[in-house]
Each structure stands twice: as C-alpha cells, then as structure tokens.
C-alpha cells in the first residue's frame, strides 16, 4: 500500500499538478503585494513625469483606450518570480529525491525499443509441437 503511494507521489505529473496549484493559489497574495507596492511604483517612476506611467492612450479623450505597458512588464516580472521560486523550492528538491531513490542502471526504453523487443520475442519464441502450424 505504501509502495503504491510512494510510486504515485514520485510520478512527474503529480509534481506538475502540485506546481500548477501552487502557482495558482499560494503565491498570488505575496506576488500581488510585491508587484503593487514595489514594482508598480518603480515602473511608474521610470515612466517620467507622465501621470499614467508607462502607457499611453490611443484616443486622448477616451480613458478606456489606455494601453498599460507597465502592467505587462509587471506581469512578466511576476511570472519570473513565481517560476524561480517554484523551481528552487519544488522542482530542484524533487529531482534530487528522484535521483536518490530511483535504482541505478534503470533506464527507460523508447517505444521503438519496446517494439523491437516484442518482435524479437515473437520471432524467437518457443517452437514446441503445439506452436508449429500443421501439427
């Protein structure tokens, strides 16, 4: 029972799922606070004396046509922060654990290798009188 659980946890897709859940929930509040309180003011300051920061209006009399380049830069920085944290906190330790607990010398076979082995087994299979056609 525990071996099955260990095998389930050690699968790559479980780790991928955990990463997706963490990306979607756990870091949202931290990264949002960091972005709103540190990154956005820095980007707005780099925008110069313009009161809208790094952005522009397509139509000067319509505020709904504002293109906010600063928000796109902030989102990219958020993504890089989340990806880095997840890599160093989840992926790197999990890779180390897998290397430590997976038996040495085991290598995965490609689909072609498996098919070749099946072909060879069928071609060189037992030739008893029961398996020979016509007997």
C-alpha atoms as a PDB file:
ATOM      1  CA  UNK A   1       0.000   0.000   0.000  1.00  0.00           C
ATOM      2  CA  UNK A   2       2.764   2.471   0.923  1.00  0.00           C
ATOM      3  CA  UNK A   3       4.821   1.461  -2.116  1.00  0.00           C
ATOM      4  CA  UNK A   4       1.873   2.343  -4.345  1.00  0.00           C
ATOM      5  CA  UNK A   5       1.534   5.704  -2.605  1.00  0.00           C
ATOM      6  CA  UNK A   6       5.280   6.356  -2.992  1.00  0.00           C
ATOM      7  CA  UNK A   7       5.077   5.485  -6.703  1.00  0.00           C
ATOM      8  CA  UNK A   8       2.095   7.813  -7.080  1.00  0.00           C
ATOM      9  CA  UNK A   9       3.881  10.712  -5.377  1.00  0.00           C
ATOM     10  CA  UNK A  10       7.088  10.179  -7.345  1.00  0.00           C
ATOM     11  CA  UNK A  11       5.351  10.451 -10.720  1.00  0.00           C
ATOM     12  CA  UNK A  12       6.236  13.547 -12.674  1.00  0.00           C
ATOM     13  CA  UNK A  13       2.629  14.504 -13.373  1.00  0.00           C
ATOM     14  CA  UNK A  14       1.854  14.746  -9.638  1.00  0.00           C
ATOM     15  CA  UNK A  15       4.707  17.195  -9.233  1.00  0.00           C
ATOM     16  CA  UNK A  16       3.475  19.150 -12.250  1.00  0.00           C
ATOM     17  CA  UNK A  17      -0.006  19.294 -10.748  1.00  0.00           C
ATOM     18  CA  UNK A  18       1.382  20.477  -7.423  1.00  0.00           C
ATOM     19  CA  UNK A  19       3.334  23.193  -9.198  1.00  0.00           C
ATOM     20  CA  UNK A  20       0.224  24.358 -11.042  1.00  0.00           C
ATOM     21  CA  UNK A  21      -1.792  24.521  -7.819  1.00  0.00           C
ATOM     22  CA  UNK A  22       0.947  26.431  -6.053  1.00  0.00           C
ATOM     23  CA  UNK A  23       1.288  28.830  -8.968  1.00  0.00           C
ATOM     24  CA  UNK A  24      -2.448  29.442  -8.954  1.00  0.00           C
ATOM     25  CA  UNK A  25      -3.003  29.955  -5.254  1.00  0.00           C
ATOM     26  CA  UNK A  26      -0.196  30.087  -2.721  1.00  0.00           C
ATOM     27  CA  UNK A  27       1.994  32.801  -4.215  1.00  0.00           C
ATOM     28  CA  UNK A  28      -0.747  35.053  -5.556  1.00  0.00           C
ATOM     29  CA  UNK A  29      -1.072  37.225  -2.455  1.00  0.00           C
ATOM     30  CA  UNK A  30       2.679  37.605  -1.963  1.00  0.00           C
ATOM     31  CA  UNK A  31       3.443  38.381  -5.583  1.00  0.00           C
ATOM     32  CA  UNK A  32       0.482  40.738  -5.910  1.00  0.00           C
ATOM     33  CA  UNK A  33       1.540  42.687  -2.837  1.00  0.00           C
ATOM     34  CA  UNK A  34       5.130  42.811  -4.076  1.00  0.00           C
ATOM     35  CA  UNK A  35       4.003  43.994  -7.503  1.00  0.00           C
ATOM     36  CA  UNK A  36       1.521  46.588  -6.296  1.00  0.00           C
ATOM     37  CA  UNK A  37       3.771  48.052  -3.626  1.00  0.00           C
ATOM     38  CA  UNK A  38       7.252  47.777  -5.146  1.00  0.00           C
ATOM     39  CA  UNK A  39       7.281  47.031  -8.879  1.00  0.00           C
ATOM     40  CA  UNK A  40       4.398  49.249  -9.985  1.00  0.00           C
ATOM     41  CA  UNK A  41       5.772  52.388  -8.263  1.00  0.00           C
ATOM     42  CA  UNK A  42       9.222  51.710  -9.753  1.00  0.00           C
ATOM     43  CA  UNK A  43       7.793  51.292 -13.245  1.00  0.00           C
ATOM     44  CA  UNK A  44       5.649  54.404 -12.834  1.00  0.00           C
ATOM     45  CA  UNK A  45       8.735  56.345 -11.689  1.00  0.00           C
ATOM     46  CA  UNK A  46      10.615  55.202 -14.784  1.00  0.00           C
ATOM     47  CA  UNK A  47       7.722  56.500 -16.864  1.00  0.00           C
ATOM     48  CA  UNK A  48       8.861  60.027 -16.079  1.00  0.00           C
ATOM     49  CA  UNK A  49       6.581  62.903 -15.249  1.00  0.00           C
ATOM     50  CA  UNK A  50       3.712  61.320 -17.161  1.00  0.00           C
ATOM     51  CA  UNK A  51       0.937  60.678 -14.621  1.00  0.00           C
ATOM     52  CA  UNK A  52      -0.064  57.411 -16.290  1.00  0.00           C
ATOM     53  CA  UNK A  53       3.369  55.739 -16.029  1.00  0.00           C
ATOM     54  CA  UNK A  54       4.486  53.509 -18.874  1.00  0.00           C
ATOM     55  CA  UNK A  55       1.454  53.657 -21.065  1.00  0.00           C
ATOM     56  CA  UNK A  56      -0.448  55.759 -23.494  1.00  0.00           C
ATOM     57  CA  UNK A  57      -3.967  56.435 -24.691  1.00  0.00           C
ATOM     58  CA  UNK A  58      -4.945  55.542 -28.208  1.00  0.00           C
ATOM     59  CA  UNK A  59      -7.648  58.215 -28.095  1.00  0.00           C
ATOM     60  CA  UNK A  60      -6.789  61.147 -25.854  1.00  0.00           C
ATOM     61  CA  UNK A  61     -10.388  61.826 -24.831  1.00  0.00           C
ATOM     62  CA  UNK A  62     -11.249  58.149 -24.010  1.00  0.00           C
ATOM     63  CA  UNK A  63      -9.631  56.654 -20.860  1.00  0.00           C
ATOM     64  CA  UNK A  64     -10.803  53.161 -21.885  1.00  0.00           C
ATOM     65  CA  UNK A  65      -8.244  53.138 -24.703  1.00  0.00           C
ATOM     66  CA  UNK A  66      -5.273  53.260 -22.300  1.00  0.00           C
ATOM     67  CA  UNK A  67      -2.518  50.780 -23.225  1.00  0.00           C
ATOM     68  CA  UNK A  68      -0.752  49.908 -19.948  1.00  0.00           C
ATOM     69  CA  UNK A  69       2.737  48.698 -20.815  1.00  0.00           C
ATOM     70  CA  UNK A  70       3.762  48.845 -17.152  1.00  0.00           C
ATOM     71  CA  UNK A  71       1.157  46.220 -16.262  1.00  0.00           C
ATOM     72  CA  UNK A  72       2.561  43.855 -18.889  1.00  0.00           C
ATOM     73  CA  UNK A  73       6.089  44.337 -17.536  1.00  0.00           C
ATOM     74  CA  UNK A  74       4.786  43.723 -14.008  1.00  0.00           C
ATOM     75  CA  UNK A  75       3.078  40.503 -15.102  1.00  0.00           C
ATOM     76  CA  UNK A  76       6.285  39.276 -16.750  1.00  0.00           C
ATOM     77  CA  UNK A  77       8.283  40.018 -13.585  1.00  0.00           C
ATOM     78  CA  UNK A  78       5.618  38.212 -11.511  1.00  0.00           C
ATOM     79  CA  UNK A  79       5.894  35.158 -13.756  1.00  0.00           C
ATOM     80  CA  UNK A  80       9.684  35.078 -13.458  1.00  0.00           C
ATOM     81  CA  UNK A  81       9.498  35.375  -9.658  1.00  0.00           C
ATOM     82  CA  UNK A  82       6.931  32.577  -9.370  1.00  0.00           C
ATOM     83  CA  UNK A  83       8.812  30.315 -11.784  1.00  0.00           C
ATOM     84  CA  UNK A  84      12.110  30.832  -9.931  1.00  0.00           C
ATOM     85  CA  UNK A  85      10.591  30.154  -6.520  1.00  0.00           C
ATOM     86  CA  UNK A  86       8.836  27.021  -7.754  1.00  0.00           C
ATOM     87  CA  UNK A  87      11.959  25.734  -9.456  1.00  0.00           C
ATOM     88  CA  UNK A  88      14.178  26.147  -6.400  1.00  0.00           C
ATOM     89  CA  UNK A  89      11.559  25.096  -3.820  1.00  0.00           C
ATOM     90  CA  UNK A  90       9.726  22.259  -5.619  1.00  0.00           C
ATOM     91  CA  UNK A  91      11.358  21.058  -8.837  1.00  0.00           C
ATOM     92  CA  UNK A  92      15.023  21.006  -7.795  1.00  0.00           C
ATOM     93  CA  UNK A  93      14.418  19.151  -4.489  1.00  0.00           C
ATOM     94  CA  UNK A  94      12.057  16.681  -6.192  1.00  0.00           C
ATOM     95  CA  UNK A  95      14.636  15.941  -8.892  1.00  0.00           C
ATOM     96  CA  UNK A  96      17.243  15.322  -6.201  1.00  0.00           C
ATOM     97  CA  UNK A  97      14.880  12.970  -4.346  1.00  0.00           C
ATOM     98  CA  UNK A  98      14.085  11.056  -7.551  1.00  0.00           C
ATOM     99  CA  UNK A  99      17.782  10.617  -8.340  1.00  0.00           C
ATOM    100  CA  UNK A 100      18.457   9.347  -4.842  1.00  0.00           C
ATOM    101  CA  UNK A 101      15.632   6.794  -4.698  1.00  0.00           C
ATOM    102  CA  UNK A 102      15.480   5.531  -8.296  1.00  0.00           C
ATOM    103  CA  UNK A 103      17.562   2.401  -8.749  1.00  0.00           C
ATOM    104  CA  UNK A 104      20.850   2.888 -10.547  1.00  0.00           C
ATOM    105  CA  UNK A 105      21.085   1.418 -14.032  1.00  0.00           C
ATOM    106  CA  UNK A 106      17.381   1.628 -14.756  1.00  0.00           C
ATOM    107  CA  UNK A 107      16.773   3.427 -17.999  1.00  0.00           C
ATOM    108  CA  UNK A 108      13.526   3.993 -19.766  1.00  0.00           C
ATOM    109  CA  UNK A 109      13.069   2.310 -23.106  1.00  0.00           C
ATOM    110  CA  UNK A 110      11.680   4.184 -26.037  1.00  0.00           C
ATOM    111  CA  UNK A 111       8.584   2.924 -27.824  1.00  0.00           C
ATOM    112  CA  UNK A 112      10.781   1.685 -30.658  1.00  0.00           C
ATOM    113  CA  UNK A 113      12.988  -0.305 -28.274  1.00  0.00           C
ATOM    114  CA  UNK A 114       9.958  -1.966 -26.701  1.00  0.00           C
ATOM    115  CA  UNK A 115       8.525  -2.867 -30.105  1.00  0.00           C
ATOM    116  CA  UNK A 116      11.886  -4.341 -31.174  1.00  0.00           C
ATOM    117  CA  UNK A 117      11.976  -6.468 -28.033  1.00  0.00           C
ATOM    118  CA  UNK A 118       8.421  -7.698 -28.658  1.00  0.00           C
ATOM    119  CA  UNK A 119       9.287  -8.503 -32.276  1.00  0.00           C
ATOM    120  CA  UNK A 120      12.377 -10.449 -31.232  1.00  0.00           C
ATOM    121  CA  UNK A 121      10.451 -12.381 -28.588  1.00  0.00           C
ATOM    122  CA  UNK A 122       7.766 -13.310 -31.093  1.00  0.00           C
ATOM    123  CA  UNK A 123      10.341 -14.307 -33.716  1.00  0.00           C
ATOM    124  CA  UNK A 124      12.440 -16.386 -31.309  1.00  0.00           C
ATOM    125  CA  UNK A 125       9.561 -17.694 -29.208  1.00  0.00           C
ATOM    126  CA  UNK A 126       9.278 -21.349 -28.123  1.00  0.00           C
ATOM    127  CA  UNK A 127       8.916 -23.793 -31.004  1.00  0.00           C
ATOM    128  CA  UNK A 128       7.129 -26.707 -29.430  1.00  0.00           C
ATOM    129  CA  UNK A 129       4.979 -29.100 -31.493  1.00  0.00           C
ATOM    130  CA  UNK A 130       1.890 -27.309 -30.144  1.00  0.00           C
ATOM    131  CA  UNK A 131       3.000 -23.993 -31.688  1.00  0.00           C
ATOM    132  CA  UNK A 132       4.090 -25.327 -35.094  1.00  0.00           C
ATOM    133  CA  UNK A 133       1.364 -24.934 -37.746  1.00  0.00           C
ATOM    134  CA  UNK A 134       0.118 -28.103 -39.355  1.00  0.00           C
ATOM    135  CA  UNK A 135       0.783 -30.449 -36.452  1.00  0.00           C
END
